[in-house]
Protein backbone atom coordinates (compact mmCIF):
# COMPACT_ATOMS: atom_id res chain seq x y z
CA MET A 1 -95.03 32.13 -63.43
CA HIS A 2 -91.63 32.01 -61.64
CA PRO A 3 -90.64 28.47 -60.66
CA TYR A 4 -89.44 29.50 -57.14
CA LEU A 5 -92.51 31.42 -56.16
CA THR A 6 -95.69 30.29 -54.73
CA GLU A 7 -99.01 31.07 -56.45
CA ASN A 8 -99.80 33.77 -53.87
CA GLN A 9 -96.35 35.44 -54.34
CA THR A 10 -96.94 35.42 -58.09
CA LYS A 11 -100.29 37.09 -57.63
CA TRP A 12 -98.65 39.70 -55.32
CA LEU A 13 -96.01 40.50 -57.94
CA LYS A 14 -98.73 41.00 -60.60
CA LEU A 15 -100.59 43.23 -58.19
CA LEU A 16 -97.68 45.47 -57.27
CA PRO A 17 -97.60 47.61 -60.54
CA LEU A 18 -101.36 48.08 -60.20
CA ILE A 19 -101.01 49.37 -56.58
CA LYS A 20 -98.04 51.60 -57.56
CA ASN A 21 -99.84 53.34 -60.41
CA SER A 22 -103.17 53.69 -58.69
CA GLU A 23 -104.20 56.75 -56.87
CA PRO A 24 -107.06 56.66 -54.43
CA GLU A 25 -109.99 59.10 -54.92
CA ARG A 26 -109.74 61.03 -51.70
CA PHE A 27 -112.43 63.54 -52.35
CA LYS A 28 -115.94 62.74 -53.31
CA ALA A 29 -117.57 65.28 -55.60
CA PRO A 30 -119.46 67.82 -53.37
CA GLU A 31 -123.23 67.70 -53.52
CA SER A 32 -123.69 71.47 -53.55
CA TYR A 33 -124.04 72.67 -57.21
CA TYR A 34 -121.58 75.57 -56.90
CA ARG A 35 -119.14 73.57 -54.88
CA TYR A 36 -119.36 70.81 -57.56
CA LEU A 37 -118.63 73.38 -60.25
CA LEU A 38 -115.45 74.49 -58.43
CA TYR A 39 -114.60 70.89 -57.80
CA LYS A 40 -114.75 70.13 -61.55
CA LEU A 41 -112.67 73.27 -62.33
CA VAL A 42 -109.84 72.57 -59.92
CA THR A 43 -109.57 68.85 -60.80
CA LYS A 44 -109.25 69.35 -64.48
CA LYS A 45 -105.91 68.68 -66.08
CA ARG A 46 -106.02 72.09 -67.84
CA PHE A 47 -106.25 73.75 -64.40
CA SER A 48 -103.10 71.83 -63.47
CA ALA A 49 -101.37 72.67 -66.57
CA PHE A 50 -102.16 76.39 -66.03
CA MET A 51 -100.74 76.24 -62.51
CA PHE A 52 -97.63 74.42 -63.80
CA ILE A 53 -97.16 77.23 -66.33
CA VAL A 54 -97.60 79.78 -63.51
CA ILE A 55 -95.08 78.17 -61.41
CA LEU A 56 -92.56 77.94 -64.18
CA LEU A 57 -93.17 81.59 -65.04
CA ASN A 58 -92.64 82.52 -61.37
CA ILE A 59 -89.31 80.59 -61.35
CA ILE A 60 -88.17 82.37 -64.48
CA LEU A 61 -89.10 85.75 -63.09
CA LEU A 62 -87.33 85.19 -59.82
CA SER A 63 -84.23 84.06 -61.67
CA LEU A 64 -84.24 87.44 -63.46
CA ASN A 65 -84.40 89.42 -60.29
CA SER A 66 -81.26 91.36 -59.56
CA ASP A 67 -80.16 94.74 -58.25
CA ASN A 68 -79.70 95.84 -61.84
CA LEU A 69 -83.33 95.08 -62.58
CA LYS A 70 -84.57 97.81 -60.19
CA HIS A 71 -82.91 100.46 -62.40
CA GLN A 72 -84.42 99.17 -65.56
CA GLN A 73 -87.66 100.60 -67.14
CA ILE A 74 -89.26 97.18 -67.02
CA TYR A 75 -89.11 96.94 -63.24
CA PRO A 76 -92.69 98.16 -62.53
CA TYR A 77 -93.96 95.49 -65.04
CA TYR A 78 -91.91 92.96 -63.34
CA ILE A 79 -93.45 93.72 -59.91
CA ILE A 80 -96.90 93.78 -61.41
CA LEU A 81 -96.36 90.31 -62.96
CA ILE A 82 -95.03 88.89 -59.73
CA LYS A 83 -97.95 90.27 -57.77
CA VAL A 84 -100.40 88.78 -60.34
CA ILE A 85 -98.63 85.43 -59.89
CA HIS A 86 -99.04 85.62 -56.13
CA PHE A 87 -102.74 86.53 -56.59
CA ILE A 88 -103.07 83.46 -58.81
CA TYR A 89 -101.61 81.29 -55.98
CA PHE A 90 -103.89 82.79 -53.54
CA GLY A 91 -106.93 82.33 -55.90
CA GLU A 92 -105.92 78.70 -56.40
CA ALA A 93 -105.92 78.03 -52.65
CA ILE A 94 -109.29 79.72 -52.13
CA LEU A 95 -110.88 77.85 -55.12
CA LYS A 96 -109.59 74.51 -53.70
CA ILE A 97 -110.79 75.31 -50.19
CA LEU A 98 -114.24 76.32 -51.39
CA SER A 99 -114.51 73.15 -53.61
CA TRP A 100 -113.26 70.60 -51.19
CA GLY A 101 -114.06 72.29 -48.01
CA ALA A 102 -111.38 73.00 -45.31
CA LYS A 103 -111.28 69.43 -44.01
CA GLY A 104 -110.89 67.90 -47.50
CA TYR A 105 -108.40 70.53 -48.55
CA PHE A 106 -106.14 70.06 -45.52
CA SER A 107 -106.23 66.30 -45.59
CA GLN A 108 -103.58 66.24 -48.22
CA LYS A 109 -99.95 67.14 -47.50
CA LYS A 110 -99.37 68.89 -50.76
CA HIS A 111 -102.12 71.39 -49.91
CA TRP A 112 -100.23 72.31 -46.67
CA LEU A 113 -97.42 73.33 -48.89
CA GLU A 114 -99.77 75.40 -51.08
CA ILE A 115 -101.27 77.10 -48.03
CA PHE A 116 -97.81 77.69 -46.49
CA ILE A 117 -96.71 79.38 -49.75
CA VAL A 118 -99.73 81.54 -49.85
CA ILE A 119 -99.39 82.66 -46.20
CA PHE A 120 -95.79 83.59 -46.71
CA LEU A 121 -96.45 85.44 -49.94
CA ILE A 122 -99.14 87.45 -48.17
CA ILE A 123 -96.63 88.17 -45.32
CA HIS A 124 -94.04 89.17 -47.86
CA PHE A 125 -96.58 91.45 -49.62
CA LEU A 126 -97.57 93.23 -46.40
CA ILE A 127 -94.07 93.66 -45.09
CA SER A 128 -92.87 94.88 -48.52
CA SER A 129 -95.77 97.40 -48.63
CA TYR A 130 -94.88 98.86 -45.16
CA THR A 131 -91.12 98.89 -45.26
CA ASN A 132 -88.27 99.76 -47.65
CA ASP A 133 -85.59 98.08 -45.53
CA GLU A 134 -83.52 96.07 -47.92
CA ILE A 135 -82.16 93.62 -45.19
CA ILE A 136 -85.77 92.67 -44.14
CA LEU A 137 -86.93 92.43 -47.64
CA ARG A 138 -84.02 90.22 -48.74
CA ALA A 139 -84.54 87.96 -45.70
CA ILE A 140 -88.23 87.39 -46.46
CA SER A 141 -87.82 87.16 -50.13
CA ILE A 142 -86.37 83.61 -49.67
CA PHE A 143 -89.97 82.46 -49.15
CA LYS A 144 -90.74 83.36 -52.73
CA LEU A 145 -88.68 80.29 -53.77
CA PHE A 146 -91.13 77.84 -52.15
CA PRO A 147 -93.40 77.49 -55.20
CA PHE A 148 -90.40 75.82 -56.85
CA PHE A 149 -91.11 72.70 -54.62
CA ARG A 150 -94.52 72.39 -56.19
CA ILE A 151 -92.91 71.26 -59.34
CA PHE A 152 -92.40 67.83 -57.86
CA ASP A 153 -96.18 67.24 -57.79
CA TYR A 154 -96.19 67.57 -61.57
CA PHE A 155 -93.34 65.16 -62.22
CA ARG A 156 -94.52 61.86 -60.80
CA ASN A 157 -91.36 59.81 -61.56
CA LEU A 158 -89.07 62.45 -60.05
CA ASN A 159 -91.38 62.50 -57.04
CA ASN A 160 -91.14 58.74 -56.75
CA PHE A 161 -87.39 58.94 -57.20
CA LEU A 162 -87.08 61.56 -54.38
CA ASN A 163 -89.28 59.59 -52.03
CA THR A 164 -87.30 56.44 -52.68
CA LEU A 165 -84.01 58.24 -52.15
CA LEU A 166 -85.21 59.68 -48.88
CA PHE A 167 -86.32 56.25 -47.81
CA THR A 168 -83.03 54.53 -48.64
CA ILE A 169 -80.44 57.19 -47.45
CA PRO A 170 -80.67 55.99 -43.85
CA ARG A 171 -80.23 52.36 -44.87
CA MET A 172 -77.22 53.26 -47.13
CA PHE A 173 -75.73 54.98 -44.02
CA TYR A 174 -75.89 51.70 -42.24
CA LEU A 175 -74.35 49.84 -45.09
CA VAL A 176 -71.52 52.36 -45.43
CA SER A 177 -70.96 52.29 -41.69
CA PHE A 178 -70.71 48.45 -41.82
CA LEU A 179 -68.41 48.61 -44.85
CA ILE A 180 -66.06 50.99 -43.00
CA ILE A 181 -65.95 48.87 -39.89
CA PHE A 182 -65.45 45.83 -41.91
CA THR A 183 -62.57 47.46 -44.00
CA PHE A 184 -60.71 48.98 -41.14
CA ILE A 185 -61.14 46.48 -38.38
């Protein structure tokens, strides 16, 4: 017990790490048998690990994409692999919507990112199927990079760091402004 803190303040300090590391159960297991099976599937760590590997594979494949790749013999396999990855993203979103229901799925912000990614991947697929205009395809291909942002869900410490940084940047601006005023006036 710290000598300058009251008993309630000491209790609060002991409670803070528990609050920080806890994560509320937002979704109750569905009562329907089939939805319960889907719920068990999408909440397993193996499912998350599989999706993490898919995201990393997607990032690696996108980093390999270049104009020279189109002239290589492996380009058709590359395209097939990219489409399989997009289908996996689509399947993940469908499984989660079916297991939690639309209301439960859209109640978390990270699922909004997932559905945003899926919608733009579908748009990219449709546009690339109907046009060969390089300018349009390059403009919409930027959306294929959005799955990279899902990596932050898997690295909790990095996610906490980024949230803390985003929270403190405005306050640091005030501090720097004060220091500039204090120094030059």
